[in-house]
Amino acid sequence: MPNVFEQDGFRFFFYSNEHAPIHVHVRRGGGEAVFTIDDTVELRESQGLKMNELARAQQLAIEHMTLIIEKWNEHVGR
């Protein structure tokens, strides 16, 4: 699982066999969420994260959107 970045206890990463559209997985504690990255960052699914954790994870994904897209393109070979 390639890491994209870690901050505030959140780990943003991709799985080895990723597929379009661009998205990033986020873990904190026992919870995980997936955000789709396009012109915006949208929550696709979540399990085990509180609303304030999801809000912070989304804020971090927005702040690091360029990095996530760059790492995605490196990872999937585009």
PDB file of N, CA and C in Angstrom:
ATOM      1  N   MET A   1       0.831  -1.179   0.000  1.00  0.00           N
ATOM      2  CA  MET A   1       0.000   0.000   0.000  1.00  0.00           C
ATOM      3  C   MET A   1       0.875   1.243   0.000  1.00  0.00           C
ATOM      4  N   PRO A   2       0.986   1.890  -1.126  1.00  0.00           N
ATOM      5  CA  PRO A   2       1.787   3.116  -1.186  1.00  0.00           C
ATOM      6  C   PRO A   2       1.166   4.245  -0.354  1.00  0.00           C
ATOM      7  N   ASN A   3       1.944   4.810   0.544  1.00  0.00           N
ATOM      8  CA  ASN A   3       1.511   5.971   1.323  1.00  0.00           C
ATOM      9  C   ASN A   3       1.613   7.222   0.477  1.00  0.00           C
ATOM     10  N   VAL A   4       0.655   8.109   0.648  1.00  0.00           N
ATOM     11  CA  VAL A   4       0.705   9.413   0.002  1.00  0.00           C
ATOM     12  C   VAL A   4       1.257  10.424   1.002  1.00  0.00           C
ATOM     13  N   PHE A   5       0.642  10.485   2.199  1.00  0.00           N
ATOM     14  CA  PHE A   5       1.161  11.312   3.290  1.00  0.00           C
ATOM     15  C   PHE A   5       0.451  10.935   4.571  1.00  0.00           C
ATOM     16  N   GLU A   6       1.025  11.377   5.682  1.00  0.00           N
ATOM     17  CA  GLU A   6       0.426  11.195   6.998  1.00  0.00           C
ATOM     18  C   GLU A   6       0.406  12.533   7.714  1.00  0.00           C
ATOM     19  N   GLN A   7      -0.714  12.802   8.390  1.00  0.00           N
ATOM     20  CA  GLN A   7      -0.837  14.050   9.139  1.00  0.00           C
ATOM     21  C   GLN A   7      -1.963  13.909  10.149  1.00  0.00           C
ATOM     22  N   ASP A   8      -1.754  14.460  11.337  1.00  0.00           N
ATOM     23  CA  ASP A   8      -2.772  14.494  12.390  1.00  0.00           C
ATOM     24  C   ASP A   8      -3.345  13.111  12.716  1.00  0.00           C
ATOM     25  N   GLY A   9      -2.531  12.075  12.583  1.00  0.00           N
ATOM     26  CA  GLY A   9      -2.990  10.720  12.881  1.00  0.00           C
ATOM     27  C   GLY A   9      -3.711  10.040  11.727  1.00  0.00           C
ATOM     28  N   PHE A  10      -3.849  10.716  10.602  1.00  0.00           N
ATOM     29  CA  PHE A  10      -4.480  10.145   9.419  1.00  0.00           C
ATOM     30  C   PHE A  10      -3.393   9.654   8.467  1.00  0.00           C
ATOM     31  N   ARG A  11      -3.629   8.497   7.852  1.00  0.00           N
ATOM     32  CA  ARG A  11      -2.719   7.987   6.829  1.00  0.00           C
ATOM     33  C   ARG A  11      -3.491   7.921   5.517  1.00  0.00           C
ATOM     34  N   PHE A  12      -2.999   8.644   4.521  1.00  0.00           N
ATOM     35  CA  PHE A  12      -3.600   8.672   3.194  1.00  0.00           C
ATOM     36  C   PHE A  12      -2.783   7.751   2.302  1.00  0.00           C
ATOM     37  N   PHE A  13      -3.460   6.853   1.583  1.00  0.00           N
ATOM     38  CA  PHE A  13      -2.732   5.833   0.832  1.00  0.00           C
ATOM     39  C   PHE A  13      -3.566   5.319  -0.334  1.00  0.00           C
ATOM     40  N   PHE A  14      -2.900   4.544  -1.191  1.00  0.00           N
ATOM     41  CA  PHE A  14      -3.538   3.827  -2.282  1.00  0.00           C
ATOM     42  C   PHE A  14      -3.321   2.334  -2.053  1.00  0.00           C
ATOM     43  N   TYR A  15      -4.192   1.527  -2.616  1.00  0.00           N
ATOM     44  CA  TYR A  15      -3.958   0.085  -2.670  1.00  0.00           C
ATOM     45  C   TYR A  15      -3.161  -0.223  -3.928  1.00  0.00           C
ATOM     46  N   SER A  16      -2.536  -1.369  -3.974  1.00  0.00           N
ATOM     47  CA  SER A  16      -1.678  -1.743  -5.099  1.00  0.00           C
ATOM     48  C   SER A  16      -2.439  -1.819  -6.420  1.00  0.00           C
ATOM     49  N   ASN A  17      -3.675  -2.263  -6.384  1.00  0.00           N
ATOM     50  CA  ASN A  17      -4.440  -2.508  -7.610  1.00  0.00           C
ATOM     51  C   ASN A  17      -5.504  -1.442  -7.844  1.00  0.00           C
ATOM     52  N   GLU A  18      -5.147  -0.182  -7.735  1.00  0.00           N
ATOM     53  CA  GLU A  18      -6.118   0.905  -7.856  1.00  0.00           C
ATOM     54  C   GLU A  18      -6.701   1.009  -9.259  1.00  0.00           C
ATOM     55  N   HIS A  19      -7.844   1.656  -9.340  1.00  0.00           N
ATOM     56  CA  HIS A  19      -8.606   1.821 -10.566  1.00  0.00           C
ATOM     57  C   HIS A  19      -9.194   3.233 -10.586  1.00  0.00           C
ATOM     58  N   ALA A  20      -9.555   3.693 -11.778  1.00  0.00           N
ATOM     59  CA  ALA A  20     -10.191   5.005 -11.907  1.00  0.00           C
ATOM     60  C   ALA A  20     -11.570   4.959 -11.273  1.00  0.00           C
ATOM     61  N   PRO A  21     -12.090   6.086 -10.851  1.00  0.00           N
ATOM     62  CA  PRO A  21     -11.540   7.438 -10.869  1.00  0.00           C
ATOM     63  C   PRO A  21     -10.505   7.631  -9.763  1.00  0.00           C
ATOM     64  N   ILE A  22      -9.803   8.758  -9.830  1.00  0.00           N
ATOM     65  CA  ILE A  22      -8.805   9.073  -8.811  1.00  0.00           C
ATOM     66  C   ILE A  22      -9.488   9.133  -7.450  1.00  0.00           C
ATOM     67  N   HIS A  23      -8.925   8.409  -6.507  1.00  0.00           N
ATOM     68  CA  HIS A  23      -9.443   8.414  -5.137  1.00  0.00           C
ATOM     69  C   HIS A  23      -8.310   8.074  -4.184  1.00  0.00           C
ATOM     70  N   VAL A  24      -8.530   8.389  -2.918  1.00  0.00           N
ATOM     71  CA  VAL A  24      -7.519   8.120  -1.896  1.00  0.00           C
ATOM     72  C   VAL A  24      -8.217   7.493  -0.689  1.00  0.00           C
ATOM     73  N   HIS A  25      -7.548   6.526  -0.090  1.00  0.00           N
ATOM     74  CA  HIS A  25      -8.042   5.879   1.127  1.00  0.00           C
ATOM     75  C   HIS A  25      -7.410   6.586   2.318  1.00  0.00           C
ATOM     76  N   VAL A  26      -8.159   6.665   3.408  1.00  0.00           N
ATOM     77  CA  VAL A  26      -7.682   7.341   4.615  1.00  0.00           C
ATOM     78  C   VAL A  26      -7.992   6.444   5.806  1.00  0.00           C
ATOM     79  N   ARG A  27      -6.988   6.234   6.658  1.00  0.00           N
ATOM     80  CA  ARG A  27      -7.198   5.467   7.882  1.00  0.00           C
ATOM     81  C   ARG A  27      -6.802   6.290   9.084  1.00  0.00           C
ATOM     82  N   ARG A  28      -7.570   6.084  10.141  1.00  0.00           N
ATOM     83  CA  ARG A  28      -7.224   6.649  11.444  1.00  0.00           C
ATOM     84  C   ARG A  28      -7.813   5.705  12.477  1.00  0.00           C
ATOM     85  N   GLY A  29      -6.967   5.188  13.351  1.00  0.00           N
ATOM     86  CA  GLY A  29      -7.443   4.204  14.305  1.00  0.00           C
ATOM     87  C   GLY A  29      -8.003   3.011  13.559  1.00  0.00           C
ATOM     88  N   GLY A  30      -9.197   2.574  13.922  1.00  0.00           N
ATOM     89  CA  GLY A  30      -9.831   1.445  13.254  1.00  0.00           C
ATOM     90  C   GLY A  30     -10.757   1.843  12.135  1.00  0.00           C
ATOM     91  N   GLY A  31     -10.829   3.136  11.802  1.00  0.00           N
ATOM     92  CA  GLY A  31     -11.741   3.602  10.765  1.00  0.00           C
ATOM     93  C   GLY A  31     -11.053   3.853   9.447  1.00  0.00           C
ATOM     94  N   GLU A  32     -11.847   3.831   8.386  1.00  0.00           N
ATOM     95  CA  GLU A  32     -11.317   4.100   7.048  1.00  0.00           C
ATOM     96  C   GLU A  32     -12.368   4.821   6.225  1.00  0.00           C
ATOM     97  N   ALA A  33     -11.908   5.669   5.327  1.00  0.00           N
ATOM     98  CA  ALA A  33     -12.782   6.372   4.397  1.00  0.00           C
ATOM     99  C   ALA A  33     -12.117   6.410   3.030  1.00  0.00           C
ATOM    100  N   VAL A  34     -12.924   6.682   2.022  1.00  0.00           N
ATOM    101  CA  VAL A  34     -12.421   6.836   0.659  1.00  0.00           C
ATOM    102  C   VAL A  34     -12.979   8.151   0.121  1.00  0.00           C
ATOM    103  N   PHE A  35     -12.085   8.970  -0.417  1.00  0.00           N
ATOM    104  CA  PHE A  35     -12.471  10.237  -1.024  1.00  0.00           C
ATOM    105  C   PHE A  35     -12.142  10.198  -2.508  1.00  0.00           C
ATOM    106  N   THR A  36     -13.113  10.565  -3.336  1.00  0.00           N
ATOM    107  CA  THR A  36     -12.893  10.707  -4.769  1.00  0.00           C
ATOM    108  C   THR A  36     -12.323  12.097  -5.012  1.00  0.00           C
ATOM    109  N   ILE A  37     -11.295  12.149  -5.849  1.00  0.00           N
ATOM    110  CA  ILE A  37     -10.607  13.408  -6.139  1.00  0.00           C
ATOM    111  C   ILE A  37     -10.894  13.784  -7.588  1.00  0.00           C
ATOM    112  N   ASP A  38     -11.514  14.931  -7.778  1.00  0.00           N
ATOM    113  CA  ASP A  38     -11.794  15.459  -9.108  1.00  0.00           C
ATOM    114  C   ASP A  38     -11.537  16.948  -9.017  1.00  0.00           C
ATOM    115  N   ASP A  39     -12.461  17.764  -9.437  1.00  0.00           N
ATOM    116  CA  ASP A  39     -12.329  19.202  -9.207  1.00  0.00           C
ATOM    117  C   ASP A  39     -12.539  19.511  -7.737  1.00  0.00           C
ATOM    118  N   THR A  40     -13.180  18.570  -7.043  1.00  0.00           N
ATOM    119  CA  THR A  40     -13.435  18.683  -5.616  1.00  0.00           C
ATOM    120  C   THR A  40     -13.026  17.380  -4.944  1.00  0.00           C
ATOM    121  N   VAL A  41     -13.126  17.341  -3.643  1.00  0.00           N
ATOM    122  CA  VAL A  41     -12.868  16.129  -2.863  1.00  0.00           C
ATOM    123  C   VAL A  41     -14.193  15.718  -2.250  1.00  0.00           C
ATOM    124  N   GLU A  42     -14.672  14.530  -2.632  1.00  0.00           N
ATOM    125  CA  GLU A  42     -15.972  14.075  -2.146  1.00  0.00           C
ATOM    126  C   GLU A  42     -15.843  12.742  -1.436  1.00  0.00           C
ATOM    127  N   LEU A  43     -16.523  12.628  -0.318  1.00  0.00           N
ATOM    128  CA  LEU A  43     -16.548  11.380   0.429  1.00  0.00           C
ATOM    129  C   LEU A  43     -17.318  10.346  -0.377  1.00  0.00           C
ATOM    130  N   ARG A  44     -16.692   9.202  -0.613  1.00  0.00           N
ATOM    131  CA  ARG A  44     -17.356   8.115  -1.338  1.00  0.00           C
ATOM    132  C   ARG A  44     -17.921   7.076  -0.376  1.00  0.00           C
ATOM    133  N   GLU A  45     -17.152   6.754   0.643  1.00  0.00           N
ATOM    134  CA  GLU A  45     -17.613   5.786   1.642  1.00  0.00           C
ATOM    135  C   GLU A  45     -16.775   5.925   2.898  1.00  0.00           C
ATOM    136  N   SER A  46     -17.339   5.459   4.005  1.00  0.00           N
ATOM    137  CA  SER A  46     -16.591   5.501   5.260  1.00  0.00           C
ATOM    138  C   SER A  46     -17.118   4.437   6.205  1.00  0.00           C
ATOM    139  N   GLN A  47     -16.245   4.047   7.116  1.00  0.00           N
ATOM    140  CA  GLN A  47     -16.617   3.081   8.136  1.00  0.00           C
ATOM    141  C   GLN A  47     -15.755   3.337   9.367  1.00  0.00           C
ATOM    142  N   GLY A  48     -16.401   3.546  10.495  1.00  0.00           N
ATOM    143  CA  GLY A  48     -15.692   3.641  11.759  1.00  0.00           C
ATOM    144  C   GLY A  48     -15.051   4.981  12.080  1.00  0.00           C
ATOM    145  N   LEU A  49     -15.312   6.008  11.287  1.00  0.00           N
ATOM    146  CA  LEU A  49     -14.791   7.344  11.580  1.00  0.00           C
ATOM    147  C   LEU A  49     -15.939   8.245  12.018  1.00  0.00           C
ATOM    148  N   LYS A  50     -15.659   9.113  12.977  1.00  0.00           N
ATOM    149  CA  LYS A  50     -16.652  10.078  13.457  1.00  0.00           C
ATOM    150  C   LYS A  50     -16.772  11.223  12.457  1.00  0.00           C
ATOM    151  N   MET A  51     -17.863  11.958  12.556  1.00  0.00           N
ATOM    152  CA  MET A  51     -18.100  13.064  11.626  1.00  0.00           C
ATOM    153  C   MET A  51     -16.975  14.094  11.661  1.00  0.00           C
ATOM    154  N   ASN A  52     -16.468  14.420  12.852  1.00  0.00           N
ATOM    155  CA  ASN A  52     -15.383  15.407  12.928  1.00  0.00           C
ATOM    156  C   ASN A  52     -14.096  14.851  12.315  1.00  0.00           C
ATOM    157  N   GLU A  53     -13.874  13.539  12.413  1.00  0.00           N
ATOM    158  CA  GLU A  53     -12.706  12.930  11.778  1.00  0.00           C
ATOM    159  C   GLU A  53     -12.844  12.962  10.261  1.00  0.00           C
ATOM    160  N   LEU A  54     -14.041  12.680   9.768  1.00  0.00           N
ATOM    161  CA  LEU A  54     -14.278  12.748   8.323  1.00  0.00           C
ATOM    162  C   LEU A  54     -14.080  14.168   7.801  1.00  0.00           C
ATOM    163  N   ALA A  55     -14.560  15.150   8.553  1.00  0.00           N
ATOM    164  CA  ALA A  55     -14.401  16.544   8.144  1.00  0.00           C
ATOM    165  C   ALA A  55     -12.924  16.920   8.087  1.00  0.00           C
ATOM    166  N   ARG A  56     -12.150  16.497   9.085  1.00  0.00           N
ATOM    167  CA  ARG A  56     -10.712  16.804   9.096  1.00  0.00           C
ATOM    168  C   ARG A  56      -9.994  16.074   7.968  1.00  0.00           C
ATOM    169  N   ALA A  57     -10.345  14.817   7.732  1.00  0.00           N
ATOM    170  CA  ALA A  57      -9.725  14.059   6.641  1.00  0.00           C
ATOM    171  C   ALA A  57     -10.018  14.717   5.296  1.00  0.00           C
ATOM    172  N   GLN A  58     -11.250  15.174   5.110  1.00  0.00           N
ATOM    173  CA  GLN A  58     -11.595  15.836   3.858  1.00  0.00           C
ATOM    174  C   GLN A  58     -10.828  17.147   3.711  1.00  0.00           C
ATOM    175  N   GLN A  59     -10.700  17.894   4.793  1.00  0.00           N
ATOM    176  CA  GLN A  59      -9.938  19.142   4.756  1.00  0.00           C
ATOM    177  C   GLN A  59      -8.483  18.868   4.369  1.00  0.00           C
ATOM    178  N   LEU A  60      -7.890  17.832   4.945  1.00  0.00           N
ATOM    179  CA  LEU A  60      -6.506  17.471   4.615  1.00  0.00           C
ATOM    180  C   LEU A  60      -6.380  17.037   3.157  1.00  0.00           C
ATOM    181  N   ALA A  61      -7.363  16.280   2.676  1.00  0.00           N
ATOM    182  CA  ALA A  61      -7.335  15.848   1.272  1.00  0.00           C
ATOM    183  C   ALA A  61      -7.421  17.054   0.339  1.00  0.00           C
ATOM    184  N   ILE A  62      -8.239  18.032   0.691  1.00  0.00           N
ATOM    185  CA  ILE A  62      -8.341  19.251  -0.122  1.00  0.00           C
ATOM    186  C   ILE A  62      -7.007  19.993  -0.124  1.00  0.00           C
ATOM    187  N   GLU A  63      -6.397  20.139   1.055  1.00  0.00           N
ATOM    188  CA  GLU A  63      -5.115  20.844   1.165  1.00  0.00           C
ATOM    189  C   GLU A  63      -4.013  20.143   0.378  1.00  0.00           C
ATOM    190  N   HIS A  64      -4.091  18.814   0.245  1.00  0.00           N
ATOM    191  CA  HIS A  64      -3.041  18.035  -0.416  1.00  0.00           C
ATOM    192  C   HIS A  64      -3.516  17.437  -1.747  1.00  0.00           C
ATOM    193  N   MET A  65      -4.549  18.031  -2.342  1.00  0.00           N
ATOM    194  CA  MET A  65      -5.127  17.482  -3.566  1.00  0.00           C
ATOM    195  C   MET A  65      -4.101  17.366  -4.694  1.00  0.00           C
ATOM    196  N   THR A  66      -3.266  18.355  -4.887  1.00  0.00           N
ATOM    197  CA  THR A  66      -2.254  18.305  -5.943  1.00  0.00           C
ATOM    198  C   THR A  66      -1.289  17.141  -5.704  1.00  0.00           C
ATOM    199  N   LEU A  67      -0.852  16.965  -4.466  1.00  0.00           N
ATOM    200  CA  LEU A  67       0.039  15.856  -4.128  1.00  0.00           C
ATOM    201  C   LEU A  67      -0.642  14.510  -4.384  1.00  0.00           C
ATOM    202  N   ILE A  68      -1.897  14.381  -3.989  1.00  0.00           N
ATOM    203  CA  ILE A  68      -2.630  13.124  -4.198  1.00  0.00           C
ATOM    204  C   ILE A  68      -2.702  12.800  -5.684  1.00  0.00           C
ATOM    205  N   ILE A  69      -3.026  13.780  -6.510  1.00  0.00           N
ATOM    206  CA  ILE A  69      -3.120  13.559  -7.961  1.00  0.00           C
ATOM    207  C   ILE A  69      -1.763  13.187  -8.536  1.00  0.00           C
ATOM    208  N   GLU A  70      -0.703  13.871  -8.119  1.00  0.00           N
ATOM    209  CA  GLU A  70       0.644  13.547  -8.602  1.00  0.00           C
ATOM    210  C   GLU A  70       1.021  12.116  -8.233  1.00  0.00           C
ATOM    211  N   LYS A  71       0.782  11.741  -6.981  1.00  0.00           N
ATOM    212  CA  LYS A  71       1.118  10.387  -6.529  1.00  0.00           C
ATOM    213  C   LYS A  71       0.264   9.339  -7.240  1.00  0.00           C
ATOM    214  N   TRP A  72      -1.005   9.664  -7.486  1.00  0.00           N
ATOM    215  CA  TRP A  72      -1.885   8.744  -8.215  1.00  0.00           C
ATOM    216  C   TRP A  72      -1.305   8.490  -9.609  1.00  0.00           C
ATOM    217  N   ASN A  73      -0.948   9.555 -10.310  1.00  0.00           N
ATOM    218  CA  ASN A  73      -0.413   9.406 -11.659  1.00  0.00           C
ATOM    219  C   ASN A  73       0.891   8.611 -11.655  1.00  0.00           C
ATOM    220  N   GLU A  74       1.728   8.785 -10.662  1.00  0.00           N
ATOM    221  CA  GLU A  74       2.945   7.972 -10.535  1.00  0.00           C
ATOM    222  C   GLU A  74       2.586   6.513 -10.278  1.00  0.00           C
ATOM    223  N   HIS A  75       1.616   6.295  -9.426  1.00  0.00           N
ATOM    224  CA  HIS A  75       1.255   4.934  -9.007  1.00  0.00           C
ATOM    225  C   HIS A  75       0.611   4.125 -10.113  1.00  0.00           C
ATOM    226  N   VAL A  76      -0.290   4.732 -10.858  1.00  0.00           N
ATOM    227  CA  VAL A  76      -0.982   3.987 -11.913  1.00  0.00           C
ATOM    228  C   VAL A  76      -0.284   4.110 -13.266  1.00  0.00           C
ATOM    229  N   GLY A  77       0.811   4.873 -13.298  1.00  0.00           N
ATOM    230  CA  GLY A  77       1.636   4.941 -14.496  1.00  0.00           C
ATOM    231  C   GLY A  77       1.107   5.802 -15.618  1.00  0.00           C
ATOM    232  N   ARG A  78       0.404   6.860 -15.270  1.00  0.00           N
ATOM    233  CA  ARG A  78      -0.112   7.756 -16.309  1.00  0.00           C
ATOM    234  C   ARG A  78       0.855   8.853 -16.603  1.00  0.00           C
TER     235      ARG A  78
END
